[in-house]
Amino acid sequence: MQTSETRFSIAGRARSGHIRPGGYWRSRATVNQSLELIRQLEAAVRDAGAVMERLNQDSVRIAEMVDVINGVADQTNLLASMPPSKRRAPGRQARI
């Protein structure tokens, strides 16, 4: 495994004097901090994806409602554009 090999390589260099005393532990702490930040970023991206999916679903529902409203508006405009003599009164058939 590359991580184990890297860890042993760093530890070996530390023992041989190629790394300042304590440098291995500081490096390891930095790597661990970086990994934690990556995990937090991953969770934030996953949460953002879930929010975007909910927004998409809500947008579809809103578009459906707008279609219904536009249909009602079209019918209302059509009715308003008809002369009063052609409009159907409640309970009566429209004259054609």
N, C-alpha and C. Protein backbone atom coordinates (compact mmCIF):
# COMPACT_ATOMS: atom_id res chain seq x y z
N MET A 1 0.85 -1.18 0.00
CA MET A 1 0.00 0.00 0.00
C MET A 1 0.89 1.24 0.00
N GLN A 2 0.58 2.19 -0.81
CA GLN A 2 1.44 3.35 -0.99
C GLN A 2 1.52 4.20 0.29
N THR A 3 0.39 4.33 1.00
CA THR A 3 0.39 5.15 2.22
C THR A 3 1.34 4.56 3.25
N SER A 4 1.30 3.25 3.43
CA SER A 4 2.20 2.60 4.39
C SER A 4 3.65 2.78 3.96
N GLU A 5 3.91 2.61 2.67
CA GLU A 5 5.27 2.77 2.17
C GLU A 5 5.75 4.20 2.40
N THR A 6 4.88 5.16 2.14
CA THR A 6 5.25 6.57 2.32
C THR A 6 5.52 6.85 3.80
N ARG A 7 4.67 6.30 4.66
CA ARG A 7 4.83 6.52 6.10
C ARG A 7 6.16 5.94 6.56
N PHE A 8 6.48 4.72 6.12
CA PHE A 8 7.74 4.11 6.52
C PHE A 8 8.93 4.86 5.93
N SER A 9 8.79 5.38 4.74
CA SER A 9 9.85 6.14 4.10
C SER A 9 10.12 7.42 4.89
N ILE A 10 9.06 8.09 5.27
CA ILE A 10 9.22 9.33 6.05
C ILE A 10 9.83 9.01 7.40
N ALA A 11 9.34 7.94 8.03
CA ALA A 11 9.87 7.57 9.34
C ALA A 11 11.36 7.21 9.22
N GLY A 12 11.73 6.50 8.14
CA GLY A 12 13.13 6.14 7.95
C GLY A 12 14.00 7.37 7.74
N ARG A 13 13.52 8.33 6.96
CA ARG A 13 14.29 9.56 6.76
C ARG A 13 14.41 10.36 8.05
N ALA A 14 13.36 10.31 8.87
CA ALA A 14 13.41 11.03 10.14
C ALA A 14 14.48 10.43 11.04
N ARG A 15 14.55 9.09 11.06
CA ARG A 15 15.56 8.43 11.90
C ARG A 15 16.97 8.70 11.37
N SER A 16 17.11 8.80 10.07
CA SER A 16 18.44 9.00 9.49
C SER A 16 18.89 10.46 9.54
N GLY A 17 18.04 11.36 9.97
CA GLY A 17 18.43 12.75 10.11
C GLY A 17 18.09 13.62 8.92
N HIS A 18 17.41 13.10 7.92
CA HIS A 18 17.04 13.89 6.76
C HIS A 18 15.85 14.82 7.04
N ILE A 19 15.15 14.55 8.10
CA ILE A 19 14.02 15.40 8.50
C ILE A 19 14.31 15.90 9.90
N ARG A 20 14.02 17.16 10.13
CA ARG A 20 14.27 17.72 11.46
C ARG A 20 13.47 16.94 12.51
N PRO A 21 13.98 16.87 13.73
CA PRO A 21 13.24 16.19 14.80
C PRO A 21 11.85 16.80 14.95
N GLY A 22 10.85 15.96 15.02
CA GLY A 22 9.47 16.42 15.16
C GLY A 22 8.82 16.76 13.84
N GLY A 23 9.60 16.83 12.77
CA GLY A 23 9.05 17.17 11.46
C GLY A 23 8.06 16.13 10.96
N TYR A 24 8.36 14.87 11.25
CA TYR A 24 7.45 13.79 10.84
C TYR A 24 6.08 14.00 11.47
N TRP A 25 6.09 14.30 12.76
CA TRP A 25 4.81 14.45 13.47
C TRP A 25 4.07 15.70 13.01
N ARG A 26 4.82 16.77 12.73
CA ARG A 26 4.19 17.98 12.21
C ARG A 26 3.60 17.70 10.82
N SER A 27 4.36 16.99 10.00
CA SER A 27 3.86 16.64 8.66
C SER A 27 2.63 15.76 8.76
N ARG A 28 2.69 14.80 9.66
CA ARG A 28 1.55 13.90 9.83
C ARG A 28 0.32 14.67 10.32
N ALA A 29 0.52 15.61 11.23
CA ALA A 29 -0.59 16.42 11.72
C ALA A 29 -1.16 17.27 10.59
N THR A 30 -0.30 17.81 9.74
CA THR A 30 -0.76 18.61 8.61
C THR A 30 -1.58 17.75 7.65
N VAL A 31 -1.09 16.54 7.37
CA VAL A 31 -1.82 15.63 6.49
C VAL A 31 -3.17 15.27 7.11
N ASN A 32 -3.19 14.99 8.39
CA ASN A 32 -4.45 14.65 9.07
C ASN A 32 -5.44 15.82 9.03
N GLN A 33 -4.93 17.03 9.22
CA GLN A 33 -5.79 18.22 9.14
C GLN A 33 -6.34 18.37 7.73
N SER A 34 -5.48 18.14 6.74
CA SER A 34 -5.92 18.24 5.35
C SER A 34 -6.99 17.20 5.05
N LEU A 35 -6.79 15.99 5.53
CA LEU A 35 -7.80 14.94 5.31
C LEU A 35 -9.13 15.30 5.96
N GLU A 36 -9.08 15.88 7.14
CA GLU A 36 -10.32 16.27 7.81
C GLU A 36 -11.03 17.38 7.02
N LEU A 37 -10.26 18.33 6.52
CA LEU A 37 -10.86 19.40 5.71
C LEU A 37 -11.47 18.83 4.43
N ILE A 38 -10.82 17.85 3.83
CA ILE A 38 -11.36 17.21 2.62
C ILE A 38 -12.66 16.50 2.95
N ARG A 39 -12.72 15.82 4.09
CA ARG A 39 -13.96 15.14 4.50
C ARG A 39 -15.09 16.16 4.72
N GLN A 40 -14.76 17.28 5.34
CA GLN A 40 -15.77 18.31 5.56
C GLN A 40 -16.26 18.88 4.22
N LEU A 41 -15.34 19.10 3.30
CA LEU A 41 -15.70 19.60 1.98
C LEU A 41 -16.58 18.59 1.25
N GLU A 42 -16.24 17.32 1.36
CA GLU A 42 -17.05 16.27 0.73
C GLU A 42 -18.48 16.29 1.26
N ALA A 43 -18.62 16.43 2.58
CA ALA A 43 -19.95 16.48 3.18
C ALA A 43 -20.72 17.72 2.71
N ALA A 44 -20.03 18.85 2.61
CA ALA A 44 -20.68 20.08 2.16
C ALA A 44 -21.15 19.95 0.71
N VAL A 45 -20.33 19.34 -0.13
CA VAL A 45 -20.71 19.15 -1.53
C VAL A 45 -21.90 18.19 -1.63
N ARG A 46 -21.88 17.14 -0.83
CA ARG A 46 -22.99 16.18 -0.83
C ARG A 46 -24.28 16.87 -0.38
N ASP A 47 -24.20 17.70 0.66
CA ASP A 47 -25.37 18.45 1.13
C ASP A 47 -25.87 19.42 0.06
N ALA A 48 -24.94 20.08 -0.61
CA ALA A 48 -25.33 21.02 -1.68
C ALA A 48 -26.04 20.27 -2.80
N GLY A 49 -25.58 19.08 -3.12
CA GLY A 49 -26.23 18.27 -4.14
C GLY A 49 -27.66 17.93 -3.77
N ALA A 50 -27.88 17.59 -2.50
CA ALA A 50 -29.23 17.27 -2.02
C ALA A 50 -30.13 18.50 -2.11
N VAL A 51 -29.60 19.66 -1.75
CA VAL A 51 -30.38 20.91 -1.83
C VAL A 51 -30.73 21.21 -3.29
N MET A 52 -29.78 21.01 -4.19
CA MET A 52 -30.04 21.27 -5.60
C MET A 52 -31.11 20.32 -6.15
N GLU A 53 -31.10 19.08 -5.70
CA GLU A 53 -32.13 18.12 -6.15
C GLU A 53 -33.51 18.57 -5.66
N ARG A 54 -33.60 19.02 -4.41
CA ARG A 54 -34.89 19.52 -3.89
C ARG A 54 -35.34 20.75 -4.67
N LEU A 55 -34.41 21.64 -4.98
CA LEU A 55 -34.75 22.83 -5.78
C LEU A 55 -35.27 22.43 -7.15
N ASN A 56 -34.66 21.44 -7.75
CA ASN A 56 -35.10 20.96 -9.05
C ASN A 56 -36.53 20.43 -8.97
N GLN A 57 -36.81 19.62 -7.95
CA GLN A 57 -38.17 19.08 -7.78
C GLN A 57 -39.18 20.20 -7.54
N ASP A 58 -38.81 21.17 -6.72
CA ASP A 58 -39.71 22.30 -6.47
C ASP A 58 -39.94 23.12 -7.75
N SER A 59 -38.90 23.28 -8.55
CA SER A 59 -39.04 24.02 -9.81
C SER A 59 -40.01 23.33 -10.75
N VAL A 60 -39.96 22.01 -10.80
CA VAL A 60 -40.90 21.25 -11.64
C VAL A 60 -42.32 21.49 -11.17
N ARG A 61 -42.54 21.43 -9.86
CA ARG A 61 -43.89 21.66 -9.32
C ARG A 61 -44.38 23.07 -9.61
N ILE A 62 -43.50 24.04 -9.46
CA ILE A 62 -43.87 25.44 -9.74
C ILE A 62 -44.22 25.60 -11.21
N ALA A 63 -43.45 24.98 -12.10
CA ALA A 63 -43.74 25.07 -13.53
C ALA A 63 -45.10 24.47 -13.84
N GLU A 64 -45.46 23.37 -13.18
CA GLU A 64 -46.78 22.77 -13.38
C GLU A 64 -47.89 23.72 -12.94
N MET A 65 -47.68 24.39 -11.80
CA MET A 65 -48.69 25.34 -11.31
C MET A 65 -48.81 26.54 -12.26
N VAL A 66 -47.68 27.01 -12.78
CA VAL A 66 -47.71 28.13 -13.72
C VAL A 66 -48.48 27.74 -14.98
N ASP A 67 -48.29 26.50 -15.45
CA ASP A 67 -49.04 26.02 -16.61
C ASP A 67 -50.55 26.05 -16.36
N VAL A 68 -50.97 25.61 -15.17
CA VAL A 68 -52.39 25.63 -14.82
C VAL A 68 -52.90 27.07 -14.79
N ILE A 69 -52.13 27.95 -14.16
CA ILE A 69 -52.53 29.37 -14.07
C ILE A 69 -52.63 29.98 -15.47
N ASN A 70 -51.66 29.67 -16.33
CA ASN A 70 -51.71 30.20 -17.70
C ASN A 70 -52.93 29.66 -18.45
N GLY A 71 -53.28 28.40 -18.23
CA GLY A 71 -54.47 27.84 -18.86
C GLY A 71 -55.73 28.56 -18.42
N VAL A 72 -55.85 28.82 -17.13
CA VAL A 72 -57.01 29.55 -16.62
C VAL A 72 -57.02 30.97 -17.19
N ALA A 73 -55.86 31.60 -17.24
CA ALA A 73 -55.78 32.97 -17.77
C ALA A 73 -56.17 32.99 -19.25
N ASP A 74 -55.72 32.00 -20.01
CA ASP A 74 -56.09 31.94 -21.43
C ASP A 74 -57.60 31.80 -21.60
N GLN A 75 -58.20 30.93 -20.79
CA GLN A 75 -59.64 30.75 -20.88
C GLN A 75 -60.37 32.02 -20.47
N THR A 76 -59.88 32.69 -19.45
CA THR A 76 -60.49 33.94 -19.00
C THR A 76 -60.38 35.01 -20.09
N ASN A 77 -59.22 35.11 -20.71
CA ASN A 77 -59.02 36.09 -21.78
C ASN A 77 -59.93 35.78 -22.97
N LEU A 78 -60.06 34.50 -23.30
CA LEU A 78 -60.92 34.10 -24.40
C LEU A 78 -62.37 34.48 -24.10
N LEU A 79 -62.80 34.21 -22.88
CA LEU A 79 -64.16 34.54 -22.47
C LEU A 79 -64.37 36.06 -22.50
N ALA A 80 -63.36 36.80 -22.04
CA ALA A 80 -63.49 38.26 -22.00
C ALA A 80 -63.52 38.85 -23.40
N SER A 81 -62.88 38.18 -24.36
CA SER A 81 -62.86 38.72 -25.71
C SER A 81 -64.13 38.41 -26.50
N MET A 82 -64.96 37.51 -25.98
CA MET A 82 -66.22 37.17 -26.67
C MET A 82 -67.25 38.26 -26.40
N PRO A 83 -68.08 38.53 -27.38
CA PRO A 83 -69.15 39.50 -27.13
C PRO A 83 -70.10 38.94 -26.07
N PRO A 84 -70.70 39.79 -25.27
CA PRO A 84 -71.59 39.33 -24.21
C PRO A 84 -72.70 38.42 -24.71
N SER A 85 -73.16 38.62 -25.91
CA SER A 85 -74.26 37.79 -26.41
C SER A 85 -73.82 36.35 -26.66
N LYS A 86 -72.52 36.08 -26.82
CA LYS A 86 -72.03 34.74 -27.08
C LYS A 86 -71.58 34.02 -25.80
N ARG A 87 -71.46 34.75 -24.71
CA ARG A 87 -71.01 34.13 -23.46
C ARG A 87 -72.13 33.28 -22.88
N ARG A 88 -71.77 32.21 -22.25
CA ARG A 88 -72.76 31.34 -21.65
C ARG A 88 -73.05 31.81 -20.23
N ALA A 89 -74.27 32.07 -19.97
CA ALA A 89 -74.68 32.44 -18.61
C ALA A 89 -74.82 31.15 -17.82
N PRO A 90 -74.67 31.22 -16.54
CA PRO A 90 -74.82 30.01 -15.74
C PRO A 90 -76.18 29.36 -15.99
N GLY A 91 -76.15 28.09 -16.32
CA GLY A 91 -77.37 27.35 -16.54
C GLY A 91 -77.91 27.46 -17.96
N ARG A 92 -77.30 28.22 -18.85
CA ARG A 92 -77.78 28.36 -20.22
C ARG A 92 -76.66 28.00 -21.18
N GLN A 93 -77.01 27.53 -22.34
CA GLN A 93 -76.05 27.24 -23.39
C GLN A 93 -75.69 28.54 -24.11
N ALA A 94 -74.44 28.64 -24.53
CA ALA A 94 -74.02 29.81 -25.28
C ALA A 94 -74.64 29.74 -26.69
N ARG A 95 -74.97 30.93 -27.22
CA ARG A 95 -75.52 30.97 -28.57
C ARG A 95 -74.38 30.91 -29.55
N ILE A 96 -74.57 30.15 -30.58
CA ILE A 96 -73.53 30.01 -31.60
C ILE A 96 -74.03 30.54 -32.90
